[in-house]
């Protein structure tokens, strides 16, 4: 099976699974990883959430979790690691280059 151009840490995968159970994500939805904005002076901001597949998506399966990525975003996510942090001053998904 094809692997995504980005990596998701085991801790982030565990949190995604917990969210899917806690929020009862409906069948037909998958984890979407992507970018918002255009590359340039301001750069891009990363996004993560649940969505339905679109015709321009690449699809992956990571430990039973369906994952979506718009083909146009693949280059921007190459080599990025999605991680989950839970510290006193920070809690959530982070994208690390």
C-alpha atoms as a PDB file:
ATOM      1  CA  UNK A   1       0.000   0.000   0.000  1.00  0.00           C
ATOM      2  CA  UNK A   2       1.177   3.498  -0.807  1.00  0.00           C
ATOM      3  CA  UNK A   3       2.595   5.552   2.062  1.00  0.00           C
ATOM      4  CA  UNK A   4       1.837   9.275   2.521  1.00  0.00           C
ATOM      5  CA  UNK A   5       4.641  11.824   1.980  1.00  0.00           C
ATOM      6  CA  UNK A   6       4.336  12.825   5.653  1.00  0.00           C
ATOM      7  CA  UNK A   7       4.692  10.840   8.867  1.00  0.00           C
ATOM      8  CA  UNK A   8       2.269  10.602  11.777  1.00  0.00           C
ATOM      9  CA  UNK A   9       3.728   9.752  15.172  1.00  0.00           C
ATOM     10  CA  UNK A  10       2.279   6.836  17.151  1.00  0.00           C
ATOM     11  CA  UNK A  11       1.105   9.338  19.772  1.00  0.00           C
ATOM     12  CA  UNK A  12      -0.758  11.380  17.138  1.00  0.00           C
ATOM     13  CA  UNK A  13      -2.347   8.223  15.679  1.00  0.00           C
ATOM     14  CA  UNK A  14      -3.529   7.191  19.132  1.00  0.00           C
ATOM     15  CA  UNK A  15      -5.087  10.635  19.649  1.00  0.00           C
ATOM     16  CA  UNK A  16      -6.807  10.495  16.237  1.00  0.00           C
ATOM     17  CA  UNK A  17      -8.290   7.095  17.136  1.00  0.00           C
ATOM     18  CA  UNK A  18      -9.481   8.453  20.494  1.00  0.00           C
ATOM     19  CA  UNK A  19     -11.083  11.483  18.828  1.00  0.00           C
ATOM     20  CA  UNK A  20     -12.799   9.277  16.245  1.00  0.00           C
ATOM     21  CA  UNK A  21     -14.348   7.193  19.023  1.00  0.00           C
ATOM     22  CA  UNK A  22     -15.181  10.108  21.319  1.00  0.00           C
ATOM     23  CA  UNK A  23     -16.758  12.218  18.561  1.00  0.00           C
ATOM     24  CA  UNK A  24     -18.343   9.243  16.743  1.00  0.00           C
ATOM     25  CA  UNK A  25     -16.941  10.287  13.374  1.00  0.00           C
ATOM     26  CA  UNK A  26     -19.458   9.011  10.795  1.00  0.00           C
ATOM     27  CA  UNK A  27     -18.654   6.266   8.297  1.00  0.00           C
ATOM     28  CA  UNK A  28     -17.413   7.705   5.031  1.00  0.00           C
ATOM     29  CA  UNK A  29     -15.277  10.337   6.763  1.00  0.00           C
ATOM     30  CA  UNK A  30     -11.496  10.162   6.932  1.00  0.00           C
ATOM     31  CA  UNK A  31      -8.667  12.096   8.520  1.00  0.00           C
ATOM     32  CA  UNK A  32      -7.667  14.966   6.243  1.00  0.00           C
ATOM     33  CA  UNK A  33      -4.150  16.356   6.448  1.00  0.00           C
ATOM     34  CA  UNK A  34      -3.307  19.357   4.292  1.00  0.00           C
ATOM     35  CA  UNK A  35      -2.358  22.982   4.024  1.00  0.00           C
ATOM     36  CA  UNK A  36      -4.192  26.269   3.993  1.00  0.00           C
ATOM     37  CA  UNK A  37      -2.872  29.293   2.144  1.00  0.00           C
ATOM     38  CA  UNK A  38      -0.264  29.558  -0.537  1.00  0.00           C
ATOM     39  CA  UNK A  39       3.478  29.247  -0.377  1.00  0.00           C
ATOM     40  CA  UNK A  40       5.096  32.650  -0.373  1.00  0.00           C
ATOM     41  CA  UNK A  41       6.176  35.228   2.134  1.00  0.00           C
ATOM     42  CA  UNK A  42       3.594  34.146   4.697  1.00  0.00           C
ATOM     43  CA  UNK A  43       4.146  30.447   4.035  1.00  0.00           C
ATOM     44  CA  UNK A  44       1.457  27.889   4.666  1.00  0.00           C
ATOM     45  CA  UNK A  45      -0.472  26.780   7.682  1.00  0.00           C
ATOM     46  CA  UNK A  46      -1.215  23.113   8.166  1.00  0.00           C
ATOM     47  CA  UNK A  47      -4.630  21.615   8.770  1.00  0.00           C
ATOM     48  CA  UNK A  48      -5.926  18.396  10.211  1.00  0.00           C
ATOM     49  CA  UNK A  49      -9.544  17.321  10.584  1.00  0.00           C
ATOM     50  CA  UNK A  50     -12.189  14.913   9.320  1.00  0.00           C
ATOM     51  CA  UNK A  51     -13.688  15.161   5.851  1.00  0.00           C
ATOM     52  CA  UNK A  52     -15.163  13.180   2.978  1.00  0.00           C
ATOM     53  CA  UNK A  53     -12.959  12.206   0.041  1.00  0.00           C
ATOM     54  CA  UNK A  54     -12.817  14.505  -2.975  1.00  0.00           C
ATOM     55  CA  UNK A  55     -11.859  13.546  -6.568  1.00  0.00           C
ATOM     56  CA  UNK A  56      -8.438  15.218  -6.210  1.00  0.00           C
ATOM     57  CA  UNK A  57      -7.492  13.301  -3.038  1.00  0.00           C
ATOM     58  CA  UNK A  58      -4.829  10.708  -2.484  1.00  0.00           C
ATOM     59  CA  UNK A  59      -5.961   8.119   0.052  1.00  0.00           C
ATOM     60  CA  UNK A  60      -3.910   6.160   2.549  1.00  0.00           C
ATOM     61  CA  UNK A  61      -4.559   3.783   5.407  1.00  0.00           C
ATOM     62  CA  UNK A  62      -2.483   4.256   8.551  1.00  0.00           C
ATOM     63  CA  UNK A  63      -3.117   1.578  11.162  1.00  0.00           C
ATOM     64  CA  UNK A  64      -6.769   1.300  10.180  1.00  0.00           C
ATOM     65  CA  UNK A  65      -7.308   5.066   9.918  1.00  0.00           C
ATOM     66  CA  UNK A  66      -8.314   6.286   6.456  1.00  0.00           C
ATOM     67  CA  UNK A  67      -6.274   9.388   5.570  1.00  0.00           C
ATOM     68  CA  UNK A  68      -6.920  11.941   2.809  1.00  0.00           C
ATOM     69  CA  UNK A  69      -4.486  14.342   1.174  1.00  0.00           C
ATOM     70  CA  UNK A  70      -5.216  16.650  -1.750  1.00  0.00           C
ATOM     71  CA  UNK A  71      -2.688  15.854  -4.507  1.00  0.00           C
ATOM     72  CA  UNK A  72      -1.694  19.541  -4.672  1.00  0.00           C
ATOM     73  CA  UNK A  73      -0.661  19.501  -1.006  1.00  0.00           C
ATOM     74  CA  UNK A  74       1.679  16.498  -1.207  1.00  0.00           C
ATOM     75  CA  UNK A  75       4.799  18.536  -2.024  1.00  0.00           C
ATOM     76  CA  UNK A  76       4.235  20.882   0.941  1.00  0.00           C
ATOM     77  CA  UNK A  77       3.850  17.966   3.356  1.00  0.00           C
ATOM     78  CA  UNK A  78       6.848  15.947   2.151  1.00  0.00           C
ATOM     79  CA  UNK A  79       9.056  15.196   5.143  1.00  0.00           C
ATOM     80  CA  UNK A  80       6.636  16.700   7.686  1.00  0.00           C
ATOM     81  CA  UNK A  81       5.843  14.784  10.875  1.00  0.00           C
ATOM     82  CA  UNK A  82       2.453  15.197  12.531  1.00  0.00           C
ATOM     83  CA  UNK A  83       2.839  14.821  16.279  1.00  0.00           C
ATOM     84  CA  UNK A  84       0.620  15.165  19.358  1.00  0.00           C
ATOM     85  CA  UNK A  85       1.865  17.227  22.293  1.00  0.00           C
ATOM     86  CA  UNK A  86       0.305  17.562  25.716  1.00  0.00           C
ATOM     87  CA  UNK A  87       2.326  19.982  27.798  1.00  0.00           C
ATOM     88  CA  UNK A  88       1.428  22.609  30.335  1.00  0.00           C
ATOM     89  CA  UNK A  89       1.468  25.458  27.800  1.00  0.00           C
ATOM     90  CA  UNK A  90       0.590  23.527  24.643  1.00  0.00           C
ATOM     91  CA  UNK A  91      -1.824  20.764  23.717  1.00  0.00           C
ATOM     92  CA  UNK A  92      -2.701  19.569  20.246  1.00  0.00           C
ATOM     93  CA  UNK A  93      -1.385  18.403  16.910  1.00  0.00           C
ATOM     94  CA  UNK A  94       1.850  19.975  15.722  1.00  0.00           C
ATOM     95  CA  UNK A  95       3.521  19.767  12.327  1.00  0.00           C
ATOM     96  CA  UNK A  96       7.264  19.389  12.537  1.00  0.00           C
ATOM     97  CA  UNK A  97       9.693  19.801   9.621  1.00  0.00           C
END
